[in-house]
């Protein structure tokens, strides 16, 4: 049971990390489009 929680935490961490990257990229593209 403890292993499952650990595994879930790792997946959640990865998911949040990926989401942050995508969000930052989207913001960057929006600013770039605005400036041009």
C-alpha atoms as a PDB file:
ATOM      1  CA  UNK A   1       0.000   0.000   0.000  1.00  0.00           C
ATOM      2  CA  UNK A   2       2.803   2.375   0.914  1.00  0.00           C
ATOM      3  CA  UNK A   3       4.490   1.613  -2.400  1.00  0.00           C
ATOM      4  CA  UNK A   4       1.347   2.613  -4.292  1.00  0.00           C
ATOM      5  CA  UNK A   5       1.226   5.982  -2.542  1.00  0.00           C
ATOM      6  CA  UNK A   6       4.899   6.541  -3.349  1.00  0.00           C
ATOM      7  CA  UNK A   7       4.319   5.613  -6.978  1.00  0.00           C
ATOM      8  CA  UNK A   8       1.316   7.935  -7.205  1.00  0.00           C
ATOM      9  CA  UNK A   9       3.344  10.769  -5.704  1.00  0.00           C
ATOM     10  CA  UNK A  10       6.062  10.292  -8.309  1.00  0.00           C
ATOM     11  CA  UNK A  11       3.526  10.280 -11.146  1.00  0.00           C
ATOM     12  CA  UNK A  12       1.847  13.392  -9.740  1.00  0.00           C
ATOM     13  CA  UNK A  13       5.236  15.113  -9.519  1.00  0.00           C
ATOM     14  CA  UNK A  14       6.029  14.243 -13.126  1.00  0.00           C
ATOM     15  CA  UNK A  15       2.581  15.379 -14.271  1.00  0.00           C
ATOM     16  CA  UNK A  16       2.867  18.728 -12.481  1.00  0.00           C
ATOM     17  CA  UNK A  17       6.386  19.203 -13.860  1.00  0.00           C
ATOM     18  CA  UNK A  18       5.220  18.531 -17.420  1.00  0.00           C
ATOM     19  CA  UNK A  19       2.168  20.785 -16.981  1.00  0.00           C
ATOM     20  CA  UNK A  20       4.378  23.627 -15.741  1.00  0.00           C
ATOM     21  CA  UNK A  21       6.648  23.222 -18.768  1.00  0.00           C
ATOM     22  CA  UNK A  22       3.707  23.298 -21.181  1.00  0.00           C
ATOM     23  CA  UNK A  23       2.145  26.284 -19.386  1.00  0.00           C
ATOM     24  CA  UNK A  24       5.429  28.218 -19.463  1.00  0.00           C
ATOM     25  CA  UNK A  25       5.864  27.389 -23.152  1.00  0.00           C
ATOM     26  CA  UNK A  26       2.325  28.573 -23.953  1.00  0.00           C
ATOM     27  CA  UNK A  27       2.882  31.832 -22.059  1.00  0.00           C
ATOM     28  CA  UNK A  28       6.201  32.316 -23.877  1.00  0.00           C
ATOM     29  CA  UNK A  29       4.563  31.772 -27.272  1.00  0.00           C
ATOM     30  CA  UNK A  30       1.742  34.176 -26.397  1.00  0.00           C
ATOM     31  CA  UNK A  31       4.206  36.912 -25.371  1.00  0.00           C
ATOM     32  CA  UNK A  32       6.250  36.249 -28.515  1.00  0.00           C
ATOM     33  CA  UNK A  33       3.124  36.544 -30.683  1.00  0.00           C
ATOM     34  CA  UNK A  34       2.145  39.747 -28.865  1.00  0.00           C
ATOM     35  CA  UNK A  35       5.546  41.353 -29.405  1.00  0.00           C
ATOM     36  CA  UNK A  36       5.477  40.555 -33.126  1.00  0.00           C
END
